[in-house]
Amino acid sequence: FKLFKEVALPYCLKNDTIARVDYLLNTDPDSYKVHMVNDNYRILKGLIAAKLNNNPKIENLIKIYDQQIAERDMYNAVEEMERLKEILPQLSLVFN
């Protein structure tokens, strides 16, 4: 319980907004992220956060992440990425 109070809770309280998630996952997208160790989920969640945060760099992030998926041979992420790109334009309609 002490570790939760001293480490986990402050982390969650500090990173509790879409803007903060966008920052954590999408700043320097080529670097390893301790906040999300699974690259597939980091990419998908990062793009969702970027869209919801109205990140002006989202198109560039999509290109970077498409390239990462190809270079890292993340065959399991290709279909999910294509589906996400199809629904991204609709996300702002749902959440705005």
Protein backbone atom coordinates (compact mmCIF):
# COMPACT_ATOMS: atom_id res chain seq x y z
CA PHE A 1 0.00 0.00 0.00
CA LYS A 2 2.90 2.34 0.74
CA LEU A 3 4.30 1.91 -2.80
CA PHE A 4 0.88 2.65 -4.26
CA LYS A 5 0.56 5.85 -2.22
CA GLU A 6 4.09 7.02 -2.91
CA VAL A 7 4.52 6.03 -6.55
CA ALA A 8 1.39 4.89 -8.37
CA LEU A 9 -1.11 7.42 -7.05
CA PRO A 10 1.08 10.50 -7.72
CA TYR A 11 1.82 9.15 -11.21
CA CYS A 12 -1.88 8.71 -11.97
CA LEU A 13 -2.77 12.11 -10.57
CA LYS A 14 -0.06 13.80 -12.61
CA ASN A 15 -1.02 12.06 -15.85
CA ASP A 16 -4.80 12.23 -15.68
CA THR A 17 -5.68 14.21 -18.80
CA ILE A 18 -5.85 13.45 -22.51
CA ALA A 19 -3.33 16.23 -23.12
CA ARG A 20 -0.88 14.59 -20.73
CA VAL A 21 -1.32 11.14 -22.32
CA ASP A 22 -0.78 12.72 -25.75
CA TYR A 23 2.41 14.33 -24.44
CA LEU A 24 3.73 11.15 -22.80
CA LEU A 25 3.08 8.84 -25.74
CA ASN A 26 3.68 11.12 -28.72
CA THR A 27 6.57 13.38 -27.74
CA ASP A 28 9.60 11.96 -29.50
CA PRO A 29 7.67 9.02 -30.98
CA ASP A 30 10.82 7.10 -31.91
CA SER A 31 11.94 6.76 -28.30
CA TYR A 32 11.10 3.94 -25.93
CA LYS A 33 8.27 4.84 -23.53
CA VAL A 34 8.16 3.52 -19.99
CA HIS A 35 4.51 4.57 -19.83
CA MET A 36 3.44 1.95 -22.38
CA VAL A 37 5.81 -0.93 -23.04
CA ASN A 38 3.72 -2.59 -25.76
CA ASP A 39 4.43 -0.64 -28.96
CA ASN A 40 1.18 -1.70 -30.60
CA TYR A 41 -0.93 -0.28 -27.80
CA ARG A 42 1.33 2.76 -27.45
CA ILE A 43 0.81 3.61 -31.10
CA LEU A 44 -2.96 3.12 -31.05
CA LYS A 45 -3.54 4.89 -27.75
CA GLY A 46 -1.10 7.63 -28.70
CA LEU A 47 -3.01 8.37 -31.89
CA ILE A 48 -6.34 8.36 -30.09
CA ALA A 49 -4.96 10.76 -27.50
CA ALA A 50 -3.49 12.97 -30.25
CA LYS A 51 -6.85 13.10 -32.01
CA LEU A 52 -8.81 13.88 -28.86
CA ASN A 53 -6.23 16.50 -27.89
CA ASN A 54 -6.41 18.10 -31.35
CA ASN A 55 -2.68 17.59 -31.76
CA PRO A 56 -1.67 19.45 -34.95
CA LYS A 57 1.04 16.84 -35.59
CA ILE A 58 -1.37 13.89 -35.89
CA GLU A 59 -0.81 13.35 -39.63
CA ASN A 60 2.95 13.23 -39.08
CA LEU A 61 2.46 10.86 -36.13
CA ILE A 62 0.40 8.53 -38.34
CA LYS A 63 3.25 8.45 -40.88
CA ILE A 64 5.84 7.81 -38.18
CA TYR A 65 3.80 5.03 -36.60
CA ASP A 66 3.01 3.41 -39.98
CA GLN A 67 6.75 3.36 -40.63
CA GLN A 68 7.46 1.87 -37.19
CA ILE A 69 4.90 -0.87 -37.76
CA ALA A 70 6.54 -1.77 -41.07
CA GLU A 71 10.15 -1.53 -39.85
CA ARG A 72 9.50 -3.50 -36.68
CA ASP A 73 7.53 -6.15 -38.55
CA MET A 74 4.54 -5.62 -36.26
CA TYR A 75 2.23 -7.74 -38.44
CA ASN A 76 -0.35 -7.94 -35.64
CA ALA A 77 -0.70 -4.14 -35.62
CA VAL A 78 -1.35 -3.56 -39.32
CA GLU A 79 -5.07 -4.37 -39.28
CA GLU A 80 -5.70 -2.48 -36.05
CA MET A 81 -3.87 0.57 -37.40
CA GLU A 82 -5.92 0.55 -40.60
CA ARG A 83 -9.17 0.32 -38.62
CA LEU A 84 -8.05 3.14 -36.35
CA LYS A 85 -7.21 5.38 -39.32
CA GLU A 86 -10.72 4.76 -40.63
CA ILE A 87 -12.42 5.84 -37.40
CA LEU A 88 -10.08 8.65 -36.29
CA PRO A 89 -12.01 11.32 -38.22
CA GLN A 90 -15.17 10.34 -36.38
CA LEU A 91 -13.68 10.55 -32.89
CA SER A 92 -13.91 14.32 -32.70
CA LEU A 93 -17.60 14.09 -33.56
CA VAL A 94 -18.18 11.77 -30.62
CA PHE A 95 -16.15 13.60 -28.00
CA ASN A 96 -16.67 17.26 -28.95
